[in-house]
């Protein structure tokens, strides 16, 4: 899911079309929440790093959504 989000965001940089950007950001939100839930259920050895990365991705994607809404 995260690889698909990266691909959509890469397409959004080449083709400046809003649906690709929105889809990529929504996939990042979904992947981040999925990672946080997975780490809560079955912690891995590097739990703290994974959680920090997922929260950072979530904050960046929410900021991206706020920027899209502001430009409307």
C-alpha atoms as a PDB file:
ATOM      1  CA  UNK A   1       0.000   0.000   0.000  1.00  0.00           C
ATOM      2  CA  UNK A   2       2.863   2.332   0.791  1.00  0.00           C
ATOM      3  CA  UNK A   3       4.562   1.493  -2.519  1.00  0.00           C
ATOM      4  CA  UNK A   4       1.339   2.314  -4.364  1.00  0.00           C
ATOM      5  CA  UNK A   5       1.177   5.630  -2.512  1.00  0.00           C
ATOM      6  CA  UNK A   6       4.743   6.429  -3.526  1.00  0.00           C
ATOM      7  CA  UNK A   7       3.914   5.584  -7.141  1.00  0.00           C
ATOM      8  CA  UNK A   8       0.826   7.825  -7.095  1.00  0.00           C
ATOM      9  CA  UNK A   9       2.775  10.710  -5.601  1.00  0.00           C
ATOM     10  CA  UNK A  10       5.496  10.213  -8.226  1.00  0.00           C
ATOM     11  CA  UNK A  11       2.852  10.366 -10.958  1.00  0.00           C
ATOM     12  CA  UNK A  12       1.430  13.497  -9.321  1.00  0.00           C
ATOM     13  CA  UNK A  13       4.805  15.212  -9.660  1.00  0.00           C
ATOM     14  CA  UNK A  14       5.028  14.362 -13.363  1.00  0.00           C
ATOM     15  CA  UNK A  15       1.368  15.002 -14.209  1.00  0.00           C
ATOM     16  CA  UNK A  16       0.223  17.959 -12.095  1.00  0.00           C
ATOM     17  CA  UNK A  17      -3.326  16.687 -11.724  1.00  0.00           C
ATOM     18  CA  UNK A  18      -5.148  16.945  -8.400  1.00  0.00           C
ATOM     19  CA  UNK A  19      -6.758  13.443  -8.333  1.00  0.00           C
ATOM     20  CA  UNK A  20      -3.359  11.700  -8.382  1.00  0.00           C
ATOM     21  CA  UNK A  21      -2.164  13.829  -5.457  1.00  0.00           C
ATOM     22  CA  UNK A  22      -5.331  13.248  -3.433  1.00  0.00           C
ATOM     23  CA  UNK A  23      -5.215   9.510  -4.095  1.00  0.00           C
ATOM     24  CA  UNK A  24      -1.544   9.313  -3.146  1.00  0.00           C
ATOM     25  CA  UNK A  25      -2.075  11.251   0.080  1.00  0.00           C
ATOM     26  CA  UNK A  26      -5.089   9.155   1.039  1.00  0.00           C
ATOM     27  CA  UNK A  27      -3.061   5.988   0.471  1.00  0.00           C
ATOM     28  CA  UNK A  28      -0.330   7.380   2.727  1.00  0.00           C
ATOM     29  CA  UNK A  29      -2.919   8.042   5.456  1.00  0.00           C
ATOM     30  CA  UNK A  30      -4.278   4.511   5.121  1.00  0.00           C
ATOM     31  CA  UNK A  31      -0.827   2.937   5.140  1.00  0.00           C
ATOM     32  CA  UNK A  32       0.252   4.969   8.174  1.00  0.00           C
ATOM     33  CA  UNK A  33      -2.813   4.016  10.176  1.00  0.00           C
ATOM     34  CA  UNK A  34      -2.389   0.391   9.115  1.00  0.00           C
ATOM     35  CA  UNK A  35       1.238   0.428  10.299  1.00  0.00           C
ATOM     36  CA  UNK A  36       0.249   1.939  13.651  1.00  0.00           C
ATOM     37  CA  UNK A  37      -2.489  -0.659  14.189  1.00  0.00           C
ATOM     38  CA  UNK A  38      -0.150  -3.500  13.220  1.00  0.00           C
ATOM     39  CA  UNK A  39       2.490  -2.269  15.662  1.00  0.00           C
ATOM     40  CA  UNK A  40      -0.122  -1.998  18.425  1.00  0.00           C
ATOM     41  CA  UNK A  41      -1.275  -5.576  17.873  1.00  0.00           C
ATOM     42  CA  UNK A  42       2.074  -7.269  17.231  1.00  0.00           C
ATOM     43  CA  UNK A  43       5.078  -5.124  18.160  1.00  0.00           C
ATOM     44  CA  UNK A  44       8.261  -5.599  16.156  1.00  0.00           C
ATOM     45  CA  UNK A  45      11.828  -5.228  17.509  1.00  0.00           C
ATOM     46  CA  UNK A  46      12.068  -1.668  16.133  1.00  0.00           C
ATOM     47  CA  UNK A  47       8.624  -0.559  17.308  1.00  0.00           C
ATOM     48  CA  UNK A  48       9.556   3.005  18.269  1.00  0.00           C
ATOM     49  CA  UNK A  49      11.233   3.809  14.927  1.00  0.00           C
ATOM     50  CA  UNK A  50       8.309   2.352  12.990  1.00  0.00           C
ATOM     51  CA  UNK A  51       5.777   4.315  15.032  1.00  0.00           C
ATOM     52  CA  UNK A  52       7.701   7.575  14.654  1.00  0.00           C
ATOM     53  CA  UNK A  53       7.958   7.061  10.889  1.00  0.00           C
ATOM     54  CA  UNK A  54       4.245   6.270  10.575  1.00  0.00           C
ATOM     55  CA  UNK A  55       3.248   9.323  12.630  1.00  0.00           C
ATOM     56  CA  UNK A  56       5.594  11.517  10.580  1.00  0.00           C
ATOM     57  CA  UNK A  57       4.032  10.254   7.338  1.00  0.00           C
ATOM     58  CA  UNK A  58       0.571  10.858   8.780  1.00  0.00           C
ATOM     59  CA  UNK A  59       1.416  14.446   9.749  1.00  0.00           C
ATOM     60  CA  UNK A  60       2.939  15.188   6.339  1.00  0.00           C
ATOM     61  CA  UNK A  61      -0.063  13.777   4.481  1.00  0.00           C
ATOM     62  CA  UNK A  62      -2.533  15.718   6.645  1.00  0.00           C
ATOM     63  CA  UNK A  63      -0.508  18.863   5.946  1.00  0.00           C
ATOM     64  CA  UNK A  64      -0.739  18.019   2.229  1.00  0.00           C
ATOM     65  CA  UNK A  65      -4.521  17.695   2.470  1.00  0.00           C
ATOM     66  CA  UNK A  66      -4.701  21.029   4.293  1.00  0.00           C
ATOM     67  CA  UNK A  67      -2.645  22.635   1.512  1.00  0.00           C
ATOM     68  CA  UNK A  68      -4.948  21.189  -1.156  1.00  0.00           C
ATOM     69  CA  UNK A  69      -8.038  22.469   0.678  1.00  0.00           C
ATOM     70  CA  UNK A  70      -6.435  25.906   1.093  1.00  0.00           C
ATOM     71  CA  UNK A  71      -5.792  26.191  -2.672  1.00  0.00           C
ATOM     72  CA  UNK A  72      -9.408  25.421  -3.563  1.00  0.00           C
END
